[in-house]
Amino acid sequence: MIVRELRPAEIMKEEQLGMDQPAAGRPRQEPLPRQREGVILRRLAITDLADFQAYRHDAELGRYQGWSAVPDEEAAVFLAEMSAIPLLQPGAWTQIGIARAGDDRLIGDIGLFLAPDGGHAEIGYTLSRAAQGRGLATLAVREAIALVFEQTAADHVIAVTDDRNAPSIRLLERAGLHRVATDEAMFRGEPCVEHTYALARPSGS
């Protein structure tokens, strides 16, 4: 599962460029938290540090991810910034948390990117291995896509995954996305094959 996420310094640069205005015709509002069955999508928080670091330092989980594990100090800065950064701003990535509905404990996160022209969004996701196998990632991805369509004018959402990442491919297909492209790429200095999946905005929404 591939998450293309900005480092804290890059996030601050986007803010300095004025990426804090709501999409055209959309009122500014805080759409989180929101719950779907067994998962909650919410803001990341500094109190998530231990859980965040636990799965972000899982080498097997991070094999196909666009992020790398970082020290606690850097992770804490990132969580603090994500707790307050405007969501779904054109040209910027933001990261939100996936939490268990029962106790609000962080079990993963979702990256959301809105294209500079607002025409489409991209999603990436990470779920701790301990929470996998229960359909929670599929629920979270579906709810995150619904969030995008409710809060922006994007006409479709895409996700990019490595051909070797079979669980990610199955998740995207369960969530209703369809493969629209396959390309050769370089990932961490090695050639690979990446699939792009997409889901169009439902008619009438």
N, C-alpha and C. Protein backbone atom coordinates (compact mmCIF):
# COMPACT_ATOMS: atom_id res chain seq x y z
N MET A 1 0.84 -1.18 0.00
CA MET A 1 0.00 0.00 0.00
C MET A 1 0.89 1.24 0.00
N ILE A 2 0.65 2.12 -0.93
CA ILE A 2 1.55 3.25 -1.12
C ILE A 2 0.90 4.53 -0.61
N VAL A 3 1.58 5.22 0.25
CA VAL A 3 1.13 6.52 0.74
C VAL A 3 2.17 7.54 0.34
N ARG A 4 1.79 8.51 -0.46
CA ARG A 4 2.72 9.57 -0.82
C ARG A 4 2.45 10.74 0.10
N GLU A 5 3.32 10.93 1.04
CA GLU A 5 3.05 11.89 2.11
C GLU A 5 4.15 12.94 2.16
N LEU A 6 3.77 14.17 2.48
CA LEU A 6 4.75 15.25 2.61
C LEU A 6 5.46 15.17 3.95
N ARG A 7 6.73 15.51 3.94
CA ARG A 7 7.46 15.71 5.19
C ARG A 7 6.99 17.00 5.84
N PRO A 8 7.18 17.17 7.15
CA PRO A 8 6.74 18.39 7.82
C PRO A 8 7.22 19.67 7.15
N ALA A 9 8.47 19.73 6.72
CA ALA A 9 8.99 20.95 6.10
C ALA A 9 8.24 21.25 4.81
N GLU A 10 7.87 20.19 4.06
CA GLU A 10 7.14 20.40 2.82
C GLU A 10 5.73 20.88 3.09
N ILE A 11 5.13 20.38 4.17
CA ILE A 11 3.80 20.81 4.54
C ILE A 11 3.80 22.29 4.87
N MET A 12 4.80 22.73 5.64
CA MET A 12 4.88 24.14 6.00
C MET A 12 5.07 25.00 4.76
N LYS A 13 5.81 24.49 3.78
CA LYS A 13 6.01 25.25 2.54
C LYS A 13 4.69 25.42 1.82
N GLU A 14 3.85 24.35 1.76
CA GLU A 14 2.56 24.45 1.11
C GLU A 14 1.71 25.50 1.82
N GLU A 15 1.76 25.54 3.17
CA GLU A 15 0.97 26.52 3.90
C GLU A 15 1.43 27.93 3.57
N GLN A 16 2.75 28.12 3.45
CA GLN A 16 3.28 29.43 3.14
C GLN A 16 2.88 29.89 1.74
N LEU A 17 2.60 28.93 0.86
CA LEU A 17 2.17 29.27 -0.49
C LEU A 17 0.70 29.62 -0.55
N GLY A 18 0.03 29.58 0.61
CA GLY A 18 -1.36 30.00 0.64
C GLY A 18 -2.33 28.90 0.33
N MET A 19 -1.97 27.65 0.58
CA MET A 19 -2.84 26.53 0.29
C MET A 19 -3.85 26.29 1.40
N ASP A 20 -4.40 27.35 1.97
CA ASP A 20 -5.31 27.16 3.09
C ASP A 20 -6.70 27.70 2.81
N GLN A 21 -7.03 27.86 1.55
CA GLN A 21 -8.34 28.35 1.18
C GLN A 21 -9.23 27.17 0.82
N PRO A 22 -10.54 27.24 1.13
CA PRO A 22 -11.43 26.15 0.79
C PRO A 22 -11.61 26.05 -0.71
N ALA A 23 -11.96 24.86 -1.21
CA ALA A 23 -12.20 24.67 -2.63
C ALA A 23 -13.33 25.60 -3.07
N ALA A 24 -13.27 26.00 -4.35
CA ALA A 24 -14.25 26.94 -4.88
C ALA A 24 -15.67 26.44 -4.63
N GLY A 25 -16.50 27.31 -4.06
CA GLY A 25 -17.89 26.95 -3.86
C GLY A 25 -18.14 26.06 -2.67
N ARG A 26 -17.08 25.73 -1.90
CA ARG A 26 -17.24 24.85 -0.76
C ARG A 26 -16.98 25.62 0.54
N PRO A 27 -17.88 25.53 1.52
CA PRO A 27 -17.65 26.23 2.79
C PRO A 27 -16.55 25.56 3.59
N ARG A 28 -15.80 26.35 4.35
CA ARG A 28 -14.79 25.80 5.23
C ARG A 28 -15.49 25.15 6.42
N GLN A 29 -15.16 23.91 6.72
CA GLN A 29 -15.74 23.24 7.88
C GLN A 29 -14.83 22.10 8.29
N GLU A 30 -15.01 21.63 9.51
CA GLU A 30 -14.22 20.51 10.02
C GLU A 30 -15.06 19.24 9.87
N PRO A 31 -14.70 18.38 8.92
CA PRO A 31 -15.53 17.20 8.65
C PRO A 31 -15.20 15.98 9.49
N LEU A 32 -14.21 16.10 10.36
CA LEU A 32 -13.79 14.96 11.18
C LEU A 32 -14.09 15.24 12.65
N PRO A 33 -14.34 14.19 13.45
CA PRO A 33 -14.27 12.76 13.09
C PRO A 33 -15.54 12.30 12.40
N ARG A 34 -15.44 11.13 11.78
CA ARG A 34 -16.59 10.48 11.18
C ARG A 34 -16.40 8.97 11.30
N GLN A 35 -17.48 8.26 11.53
CA GLN A 35 -17.41 6.84 11.82
C GLN A 35 -18.14 6.03 10.76
N ARG A 36 -17.56 4.88 10.47
CA ARG A 36 -18.23 3.92 9.58
C ARG A 36 -18.05 2.54 10.20
N GLU A 37 -19.11 2.02 10.75
CA GLU A 37 -19.09 0.71 11.39
C GLU A 37 -17.95 0.63 12.41
N GLY A 38 -16.93 -0.19 12.15
CA GLY A 38 -15.90 -0.43 13.16
C GLY A 38 -14.74 0.52 13.16
N VAL A 39 -14.74 1.56 12.31
CA VAL A 39 -13.60 2.47 12.26
C VAL A 39 -14.05 3.92 12.37
N ILE A 40 -13.14 4.74 12.87
CA ILE A 40 -13.34 6.19 12.93
C ILE A 40 -12.22 6.85 12.13
N LEU A 41 -12.57 7.77 11.28
CA LEU A 41 -11.59 8.65 10.65
C LEU A 41 -11.54 9.92 11.48
N ARG A 42 -10.35 10.30 11.90
CA ARG A 42 -10.20 11.48 12.75
C ARG A 42 -8.85 12.12 12.52
N ARG A 43 -8.68 13.26 13.16
CA ARG A 43 -7.39 13.93 13.12
C ARG A 43 -6.34 13.09 13.86
N LEU A 44 -5.14 13.10 13.34
CA LEU A 44 -4.02 12.56 14.10
C LEU A 44 -3.72 13.50 15.27
N ALA A 45 -3.14 12.95 16.34
CA ALA A 45 -2.85 13.74 17.53
C ALA A 45 -1.52 13.32 18.12
N ILE A 46 -0.91 14.22 18.87
CA ILE A 46 0.38 13.91 19.49
C ILE A 46 0.24 12.72 20.44
N THR A 47 -0.94 12.51 20.99
CA THR A 47 -1.16 11.37 21.89
C THR A 47 -1.14 10.03 21.15
N ASP A 48 -1.14 10.07 19.81
CA ASP A 48 -1.06 8.85 19.00
C ASP A 48 0.38 8.38 18.79
N LEU A 49 1.34 9.08 19.36
CA LEU A 49 2.73 8.84 19.01
C LEU A 49 3.15 7.38 19.16
N ALA A 50 2.86 6.76 20.28
CA ALA A 50 3.31 5.38 20.51
C ALA A 50 2.70 4.42 19.49
N ASP A 51 1.41 4.54 19.25
CA ASP A 51 0.76 3.64 18.29
C ASP A 51 1.23 3.92 16.86
N PHE A 52 1.37 5.19 16.53
CA PHE A 52 1.85 5.59 15.20
C PHE A 52 3.23 5.02 14.94
N GLN A 53 4.13 5.19 15.90
CA GLN A 53 5.49 4.71 15.73
C GLN A 53 5.56 3.17 15.70
N ALA A 54 4.68 2.52 16.41
CA ALA A 54 4.69 1.05 16.44
C ALA A 54 4.49 0.48 15.05
N TYR A 55 3.49 0.97 14.32
CA TYR A 55 3.28 0.39 12.99
C TYR A 55 4.17 1.04 11.93
N ARG A 56 4.57 2.27 12.13
CA ARG A 56 5.45 2.91 11.16
C ARG A 56 6.88 2.34 11.22
N HIS A 57 7.21 1.65 12.28
CA HIS A 57 8.53 1.01 12.37
C HIS A 57 8.46 -0.48 12.05
N ASP A 58 7.35 -0.93 11.51
CA ASP A 58 7.19 -2.31 11.07
C ASP A 58 7.73 -2.40 9.64
N ALA A 59 8.91 -2.99 9.49
CA ALA A 59 9.59 -3.01 8.18
C ALA A 59 8.77 -3.71 7.11
N GLU A 60 8.09 -4.79 7.47
CA GLU A 60 7.28 -5.51 6.48
C GLU A 60 6.09 -4.67 6.05
N LEU A 61 5.46 -3.97 6.98
CA LEU A 61 4.33 -3.12 6.64
C LEU A 61 4.76 -1.98 5.72
N GLY A 62 5.96 -1.48 5.93
CA GLY A 62 6.42 -0.34 5.13
C GLY A 62 7.09 -0.70 3.82
N ARG A 63 7.08 -1.98 3.47
CA ARG A 63 7.82 -2.44 2.29
C ARG A 63 7.44 -1.70 1.01
N TYR A 64 6.15 -1.47 0.80
CA TYR A 64 5.70 -0.82 -0.43
C TYR A 64 5.20 0.61 -0.19
N GLN A 65 5.52 1.17 0.95
CA GLN A 65 5.03 2.49 1.28
C GLN A 65 5.96 3.58 0.80
N GLY A 66 5.39 4.76 0.59
CA GLY A 66 6.19 5.90 0.19
C GLY A 66 6.83 6.61 1.36
N TRP A 67 6.49 6.22 2.60
CA TRP A 67 7.09 6.84 3.78
C TRP A 67 8.20 5.95 4.34
N SER A 68 9.00 6.53 5.20
CA SER A 68 10.04 5.81 5.93
C SER A 68 9.88 6.10 7.41
N ALA A 69 10.27 5.16 8.24
CA ALA A 69 10.22 5.37 9.68
C ALA A 69 11.12 6.53 10.08
N VAL A 70 10.68 7.31 11.06
CA VAL A 70 11.44 8.47 11.52
C VAL A 70 11.54 8.42 13.05
N PRO A 71 12.48 9.15 13.64
CA PRO A 71 12.60 9.19 15.11
C PRO A 71 11.35 9.79 15.75
N ASP A 72 11.18 9.52 17.03
CA ASP A 72 10.01 10.02 17.76
C ASP A 72 9.86 11.53 17.65
N GLU A 73 10.98 12.25 17.71
CA GLU A 73 10.90 13.71 17.69
C GLU A 73 10.29 14.21 16.38
N GLU A 74 10.72 13.63 15.27
CA GLU A 74 10.19 14.04 13.97
C GLU A 74 8.74 13.60 13.82
N ALA A 75 8.43 12.39 14.29
CA ALA A 75 7.05 11.90 14.21
C ALA A 75 6.12 12.79 15.04
N ALA A 76 6.58 13.24 16.19
CA ALA A 76 5.76 14.10 17.04
C ALA A 76 5.45 15.43 16.34
N VAL A 77 6.44 16.00 15.66
CA VAL A 77 6.21 17.23 14.91
C VAL A 77 5.17 16.99 13.81
N PHE A 78 5.32 15.87 13.11
CA PHE A 78 4.39 15.53 12.03
C PHE A 78 2.96 15.39 12.57
N LEU A 79 2.80 14.67 13.67
CA LEU A 79 1.46 14.47 14.24
C LEU A 79 0.85 15.79 14.68
N ALA A 80 1.66 16.65 15.28
CA ALA A 80 1.16 17.95 15.72
C ALA A 80 0.69 18.78 14.53
N GLU A 81 1.44 18.75 13.43
CA GLU A 81 1.05 19.52 12.25
C GLU A 81 -0.21 18.96 11.62
N MET A 82 -0.30 17.62 11.55
CA MET A 82 -1.48 17.01 10.95
C MET A 82 -2.73 17.22 11.80
N SER A 83 -2.55 17.48 13.09
CA SER A 83 -3.71 17.68 13.96
C SER A 83 -4.44 18.98 13.64
N ALA A 84 -3.76 19.91 12.96
CA ALA A 84 -4.34 21.23 12.73
C ALA A 84 -4.33 21.68 11.28
N ILE A 85 -3.62 20.99 10.40
CA ILE A 85 -3.50 21.44 9.01
C ILE A 85 -4.87 21.41 8.32
N PRO A 86 -5.17 22.40 7.46
CA PRO A 86 -6.42 22.36 6.70
C PRO A 86 -6.47 21.11 5.83
N LEU A 87 -7.64 20.49 5.77
CA LEU A 87 -7.80 19.27 4.99
C LEU A 87 -8.18 19.58 3.55
N LEU A 88 -7.72 18.71 2.67
CA LEU A 88 -8.15 18.71 1.27
C LEU A 88 -7.97 20.07 0.61
N GLN A 89 -6.76 20.59 0.73
CA GLN A 89 -6.42 21.85 0.07
C GLN A 89 -5.72 21.56 -1.24
N PRO A 90 -6.05 22.29 -2.32
CA PRO A 90 -5.45 22.01 -3.63
C PRO A 90 -3.93 22.01 -3.58
N GLY A 91 -3.34 20.97 -4.16
CA GLY A 91 -1.89 20.87 -4.27
C GLY A 91 -1.20 20.34 -3.04
N ALA A 92 -1.94 19.85 -2.04
CA ALA A 92 -1.32 19.44 -0.78
C ALA A 92 -1.79 18.07 -0.33
N TRP A 93 -0.85 17.32 0.29
CA TRP A 93 -1.18 16.07 0.98
C TRP A 93 -1.52 16.37 2.42
N THR A 94 -2.49 15.67 2.96
CA THR A 94 -2.74 15.68 4.40
C THR A 94 -2.95 14.24 4.86
N GLN A 95 -2.64 14.00 6.11
CA GLN A 95 -2.74 12.66 6.68
C GLN A 95 -3.78 12.67 7.80
N ILE A 96 -4.69 11.69 7.78
CA ILE A 96 -5.69 11.57 8.84
C ILE A 96 -5.58 10.18 9.47
N GLY A 97 -6.10 10.03 10.67
CA GLY A 97 -5.96 8.78 11.39
C GLY A 97 -7.12 7.82 11.15
N ILE A 98 -6.81 6.52 11.25
CA ILE A 98 -7.82 5.47 11.31
C ILE A 98 -7.79 4.94 12.74
N ALA A 99 -8.92 5.01 13.43
CA ALA A 99 -8.98 4.56 14.82
C ALA A 99 -10.07 3.51 14.99
N ARG A 100 -9.91 2.65 16.00
CA ARG A 100 -10.93 1.66 16.32
C ARG A 100 -12.14 2.37 16.91
N ALA A 101 -13.33 1.93 16.49
CA ALA A 101 -14.54 2.58 16.97
C ALA A 101 -14.76 2.36 18.46
N GLY A 102 -14.30 1.24 18.98
CA GLY A 102 -14.55 0.94 20.38
C GLY A 102 -13.81 1.81 21.37
N ASP A 103 -12.53 2.08 21.09
CA ASP A 103 -11.71 2.82 22.06
C ASP A 103 -10.94 3.99 21.46
N ASP A 104 -11.16 4.29 20.18
CA ASP A 104 -10.52 5.42 19.50
C ASP A 104 -9.00 5.26 19.40
N ARG A 105 -8.49 4.05 19.53
CA ARG A 105 -7.05 3.84 19.45
C ARG A 105 -6.60 3.82 17.98
N LEU A 106 -5.51 4.52 17.70
CA LEU A 106 -5.00 4.61 16.34
C LEU A 106 -4.52 3.25 15.85
N ILE A 107 -4.98 2.86 14.65
CA ILE A 107 -4.55 1.60 14.03
C ILE A 107 -3.99 1.81 12.62
N GLY A 108 -4.00 3.04 12.15
CA GLY A 108 -3.47 3.30 10.81
C GLY A 108 -3.70 4.74 10.42
N ASP A 109 -3.37 5.06 9.18
CA ASP A 109 -3.60 6.41 8.69
C ASP A 109 -3.84 6.41 7.20
N ILE A 110 -4.43 7.48 6.73
CA ILE A 110 -4.78 7.65 5.32
C ILE A 110 -4.21 8.98 4.84
N GLY A 111 -3.55 8.96 3.69
CA GLY A 111 -3.07 10.18 3.06
C GLY A 111 -4.04 10.60 1.97
N LEU A 112 -4.36 11.90 1.93
CA LEU A 112 -5.26 12.45 0.93
C LEU A 112 -4.58 13.61 0.21
N PHE A 113 -4.61 13.57 -1.10
CA PHE A 113 -4.02 14.63 -1.92
C PHE A 113 -5.08 15.14 -2.88
N LEU A 114 -5.25 16.45 -2.91
CA LEU A 114 -6.16 17.08 -3.86
C LEU A 114 -5.32 17.77 -4.93
N ALA A 115 -5.60 17.45 -6.19
CA ALA A 115 -4.84 18.03 -7.30
C ALA A 115 -4.91 19.55 -7.27
N PRO A 116 -3.89 20.24 -7.80
CA PRO A 116 -3.89 21.70 -7.78
C PRO A 116 -5.13 22.33 -8.38
N ASP A 117 -5.70 21.69 -9.41
CA ASP A 117 -6.92 22.24 -10.02
C ASP A 117 -8.19 21.71 -9.37
N GLY A 118 -8.03 20.86 -8.34
CA GLY A 118 -9.19 20.32 -7.65
C GLY A 118 -9.95 19.26 -8.41
N GLY A 119 -9.43 18.85 -9.58
CA GLY A 119 -10.18 17.95 -10.44
C GLY A 119 -10.21 16.50 -9.99
N HIS A 120 -9.18 16.09 -9.26
CA HIS A 120 -9.16 14.72 -8.76
C HIS A 120 -8.40 14.68 -7.45
N ALA A 121 -8.54 13.58 -6.75
CA ALA A 121 -7.82 13.37 -5.50
C ALA A 121 -7.11 12.04 -5.57
N GLU A 122 -6.08 11.88 -4.72
CA GLU A 122 -5.37 10.60 -4.61
C GLU A 122 -5.40 10.18 -3.15
N ILE A 123 -5.49 8.88 -2.95
CA ILE A 123 -5.56 8.33 -1.60
C ILE A 123 -4.47 7.29 -1.40
N GLY A 124 -3.91 7.26 -0.22
CA GLY A 124 -2.96 6.22 0.18
C GLY A 124 -3.32 5.79 1.59
N TYR A 125 -2.89 4.62 2.01
CA TYR A 125 -3.37 4.10 3.29
C TYR A 125 -2.36 3.15 3.91
N THR A 126 -2.41 3.10 5.22
CA THR A 126 -1.59 2.18 6.02
C THR A 126 -2.45 1.68 7.17
N LEU A 127 -2.45 0.38 7.40
CA LEU A 127 -3.15 -0.19 8.53
C LEU A 127 -2.21 -1.15 9.24
N SER A 128 -2.12 -1.04 10.55
CA SER A 128 -1.22 -1.90 11.30
C SER A 128 -1.56 -3.37 11.03
N ARG A 129 -0.54 -4.21 11.04
CA ARG A 129 -0.77 -5.62 10.73
C ARG A 129 -1.70 -6.28 11.74
N ALA A 130 -1.65 -5.82 13.00
CA ALA A 130 -2.52 -6.40 14.02
C ALA A 130 -4.00 -6.14 13.74
N ALA A 131 -4.31 -5.09 12.97
CA ALA A 131 -5.70 -4.73 12.68
C ALA A 131 -6.17 -5.23 11.32
N GLN A 132 -5.30 -5.88 10.58
CA GLN A 132 -5.66 -6.35 9.24
C GLN A 132 -6.48 -7.64 9.30
N GLY A 133 -7.15 -7.95 8.18
CA GLY A 133 -7.91 -9.17 8.07
C GLY A 133 -9.34 -9.08 8.60
N ARG A 134 -9.80 -7.86 8.93
CA ARG A 134 -11.15 -7.69 9.47
C ARG A 134 -12.00 -6.75 8.61
N GLY A 135 -11.48 -6.34 7.48
CA GLY A 135 -12.22 -5.43 6.62
C GLY A 135 -12.16 -3.97 7.04
N LEU A 136 -11.33 -3.65 8.05
CA LEU A 136 -11.29 -2.28 8.56
C LEU A 136 -10.68 -1.31 7.56
N ALA A 137 -9.64 -1.76 6.85
CA ALA A 137 -9.01 -0.86 5.86
C ALA A 137 -9.98 -0.54 4.73
N THR A 138 -10.76 -1.53 4.30
CA THR A 138 -11.74 -1.29 3.24
C THR A 138 -12.78 -0.28 3.71
N LEU A 139 -13.27 -0.42 4.93
CA LEU A 139 -14.23 0.54 5.48
C LEU A 139 -13.63 1.94 5.52
N ALA A 140 -12.38 2.03 5.97
CA ALA A 140 -11.73 3.34 6.09
C ALA A 140 -11.53 3.99 4.73
N VAL A 141 -11.11 3.21 3.75
CA VAL A 141 -10.89 3.77 2.40
C VAL A 141 -12.21 4.24 1.81
N ARG A 142 -13.26 3.46 1.96
CA ARG A 142 -14.56 3.87 1.44
C ARG A 142 -15.03 5.17 2.09
N GLU A 143 -14.83 5.28 3.40
CA GLU A 143 -15.27 6.48 4.10
C GLU A 143 -14.41 7.68 3.71
N ALA A 144 -13.11 7.46 3.50
CA ALA A 144 -12.24 8.56 3.08
C ALA A 144 -12.62 9.06 1.69
N ILE A 145 -12.97 8.14 0.81
CA ILE A 145 -13.41 8.55 -0.54
C ILE A 145 -14.71 9.33 -0.45
N ALA A 146 -15.63 8.88 0.39
CA ALA A 146 -16.88 9.62 0.60
C ALA A 146 -16.59 11.03 1.11
N LEU A 147 -15.62 11.14 2.01
CA LEU A 147 -15.20 12.45 2.53
C LEU A 147 -14.73 13.36 1.41
N VAL A 148 -13.91 12.82 0.52
CA VAL A 148 -13.39 13.61 -0.60
C VAL A 148 -14.54 14.14 -1.46
N PHE A 149 -15.47 13.27 -1.81
CA PHE A 149 -16.56 13.69 -2.68
C PHE A 149 -17.51 14.68 -2.00
N GLU A 150 -17.64 14.58 -0.68
CA GLU A 150 -18.50 15.50 0.04
C GLU A 150 -17.86 16.88 0.21
N GLN A 151 -16.54 16.90 0.37
CA GLN A 151 -15.86 18.14 0.74
C GLN A 151 -15.17 18.85 -0.41
N THR A 152 -15.10 18.23 -1.58
CA THR A 152 -14.44 18.84 -2.73
C THR A 152 -15.28 18.65 -3.99
N ALA A 153 -14.83 19.26 -5.07
CA ALA A 153 -15.50 19.11 -6.35
C ALA A 153 -14.79 18.08 -7.23
N ALA A 154 -13.84 17.31 -6.66
CA ALA A 154 -13.11 16.30 -7.44
C ALA A 154 -14.07 15.35 -8.14
N ASP A 155 -13.77 15.03 -9.41
CA ASP A 155 -14.68 14.13 -10.13
C ASP A 155 -14.26 12.67 -10.05
N HIS A 156 -13.04 12.41 -9.53
CA HIS A 156 -12.64 11.02 -9.31
C HIS A 156 -11.50 10.96 -8.30
N VAL A 157 -11.34 9.79 -7.72
CA VAL A 157 -10.27 9.52 -6.77
C VAL A 157 -9.42 8.40 -7.32
N ILE A 158 -8.09 8.53 -7.20
CA ILE A 158 -7.19 7.49 -7.67
C ILE A 158 -6.35 6.95 -6.51
N ALA A 159 -5.79 5.78 -6.74
CA ALA A 159 -4.82 5.19 -5.80
C ALA A 159 -3.80 4.45 -6.64
N VAL A 160 -2.55 4.47 -6.21
CA VAL A 160 -1.46 3.81 -6.93
C VAL A 160 -0.87 2.73 -6.03
N THR A 161 -0.71 1.53 -6.57
CA THR A 161 -0.18 0.43 -5.76
C THR A 161 0.79 -0.41 -6.56
N ASP A 162 1.70 -1.01 -5.87
CA ASP A 162 2.72 -1.87 -6.48
C ASP A 162 2.10 -3.20 -6.90
N ASP A 163 2.49 -3.68 -8.04
CA ASP A 163 1.96 -4.95 -8.57
C ASP A 163 2.20 -6.11 -7.60
N ARG A 164 3.25 -6.03 -6.79
CA ARG A 164 3.57 -7.11 -5.86
C ARG A 164 2.73 -7.05 -4.58
N ASN A 165 2.01 -5.97 -4.40
CA ASN A 165 1.25 -5.77 -3.17
C ASN A 165 -0.18 -6.28 -3.34
N ALA A 166 -0.33 -7.59 -3.34
CA ALA A 166 -1.63 -8.21 -3.59
C ALA A 166 -2.70 -7.78 -2.58
N PRO A 167 -2.41 -7.67 -1.27
CA PRO A 167 -3.46 -7.23 -0.34
C PRO A 167 -4.00 -5.84 -0.67
N SER A 168 -3.12 -4.94 -1.11
CA SER A 168 -3.56 -3.59 -1.47
C SER A 168 -4.45 -3.62 -2.69
N ILE A 169 -4.09 -4.43 -3.67
CA ILE A 169 -4.91 -4.56 -4.87
C ILE A 169 -6.30 -5.08 -4.52
N ARG A 170 -6.36 -6.11 -3.67
CA ARG A 170 -7.66 -6.66 -3.27
C ARG A 170 -8.49 -5.62 -2.52
N LEU A 171 -7.83 -4.84 -1.65
CA LEU A 171 -8.54 -3.81 -0.91
C LEU A 171 -9.18 -2.79 -1.85
N LEU A 172 -8.40 -2.31 -2.81
CA LEU A 172 -8.93 -1.30 -3.73
C LEU A 172 -10.11 -1.84 -4.53
N GLU A 173 -10.02 -3.08 -4.94
CA GLU A 173 -11.13 -3.67 -5.70
C GLU A 173 -12.36 -3.86 -4.82
N ARG A 174 -12.17 -4.25 -3.55
CA ARG A 174 -13.30 -4.36 -2.63
C ARG A 174 -13.95 -3.00 -2.39
N ALA A 175 -13.12 -1.96 -2.39
CA ALA A 175 -13.64 -0.61 -2.15
C ALA A 175 -14.32 -0.02 -3.38
N GLY A 176 -14.30 -0.74 -4.50
CA GLY A 176 -15.01 -0.30 -5.68
C GLY A 176 -14.18 0.41 -6.73
N LEU A 177 -12.85 0.50 -6.54
CA LEU A 177 -12.01 1.14 -7.54
C LEU A 177 -11.70 0.16 -8.66
N HIS A 178 -11.39 0.71 -9.83
CA HIS A 178 -11.10 -0.10 -11.01
C HIS A 178 -9.74 0.26 -11.57
N ARG A 179 -9.03 -0.73 -12.04
CA ARG A 179 -7.71 -0.48 -12.62
C ARG A 179 -7.84 0.27 -13.93
N VAL A 180 -7.11 1.38 -14.03
CA VAL A 180 -7.21 2.21 -15.23
C VAL A 180 -5.87 2.36 -15.96
N ALA A 181 -4.78 1.99 -15.30
CA ALA A 181 -3.47 2.11 -15.94
C ALA A 181 -2.46 1.22 -15.24
N THR A 182 -1.46 0.78 -16.00
CA THR A 182 -0.33 0.03 -15.48
C THR A 182 0.93 0.61 -16.08
N ASP A 183 1.90 0.94 -15.23
CA ASP A 183 3.10 1.62 -15.70
C ASP A 183 4.35 1.05 -15.04
N GLU A 184 5.44 1.08 -15.77
CA GLU A 184 6.73 0.77 -15.17
C GLU A 184 7.20 1.99 -14.40
N ALA A 185 7.81 1.75 -13.26
CA ALA A 185 8.23 2.86 -12.39
C ALA A 185 9.49 2.48 -11.64
N MET A 186 10.05 3.45 -10.93
CA MET A 186 11.17 3.22 -10.03
C MET A 186 10.69 3.48 -8.62
N PHE A 187 10.96 2.53 -7.72
CA PHE A 187 10.57 2.70 -6.33
C PHE A 187 11.76 2.34 -5.45
N ARG A 188 12.23 3.32 -4.69
CA ARG A 188 13.41 3.15 -3.84
C ARG A 188 14.59 2.60 -4.63
N GLY A 189 14.77 3.15 -5.81
CA GLY A 189 15.92 2.82 -6.63
C GLY A 189 15.81 1.53 -7.41
N GLU A 190 14.67 0.86 -7.35
CA GLU A 190 14.49 -0.40 -8.06
C GLU A 190 13.31 -0.31 -9.02
N PRO A 191 13.42 -0.97 -10.20
CA PRO A 191 12.29 -0.96 -11.13
C PRO A 191 11.12 -1.76 -10.57
N CYS A 192 9.93 -1.31 -10.86
CA CYS A 192 8.73 -2.02 -10.42
C CYS A 192 7.60 -1.72 -11.39
N VAL A 193 6.47 -2.36 -11.16
CA VAL A 193 5.26 -2.11 -11.94
C VAL A 193 4.21 -1.57 -10.99
N GLU A 194 3.60 -0.45 -11.36
CA GLU A 194 2.57 0.16 -10.53
C GLU A 194 1.24 0.18 -11.26
N HIS A 195 0.17 -0.10 -10.54
CA HIS A 195 -1.18 -0.03 -11.07
C HIS A 195 -1.88 1.19 -10.51
N THR A 196 -2.60 1.89 -11.36
CA THR A 196 -3.43 3.00 -10.92
C THR A 196 -4.88 2.57 -10.95
N TYR A 197 -5.55 2.78 -9.82
CA TYR A 197 -6.97 2.47 -9.70
C TYR A 197 -7.73 3.79 -9.56
N ALA A 198 -8.99 3.78 -9.98
CA ALA A 198 -9.78 5.01 -9.92
C ALA A 198 -11.25 4.70 -9.62
N LEU A 199 -11.89 5.68 -9.02
CA LEU A 199 -13.33 5.63 -8.77
C LEU A 199 -13.92 6.99 -9.09
N ALA A 200 -14.92 7.00 -9.96
CA ALA A 200 -15.56 8.25 -10.35
C ALA A 200 -16.58 8.68 -9.31
N ARG A 201 -16.81 9.99 -9.27
CA ARG A 201 -17.83 10.54 -8.38
C ARG A 201 -19.18 9.94 -8.75
N PRO A 202 -19.94 9.48 -7.76
CA PRO A 202 -21.28 8.93 -8.06
C PRO A 202 -22.17 9.99 -8.72
N SER A 203 -22.98 9.58 -9.64
CA SER A 203 -23.86 10.52 -10.31
C SER A 203 -24.83 11.14 -9.31
N GLY A 204 -25.01 12.43 -9.44
CA GLY A 204 -25.92 13.13 -8.55
C GLY A 204 -25.32 13.59 -7.24
N SER A 205 -24.03 13.28 -7.01
CA SER A 205 -23.42 13.69 -5.73
C SER A 205 -22.57 14.94 -5.91
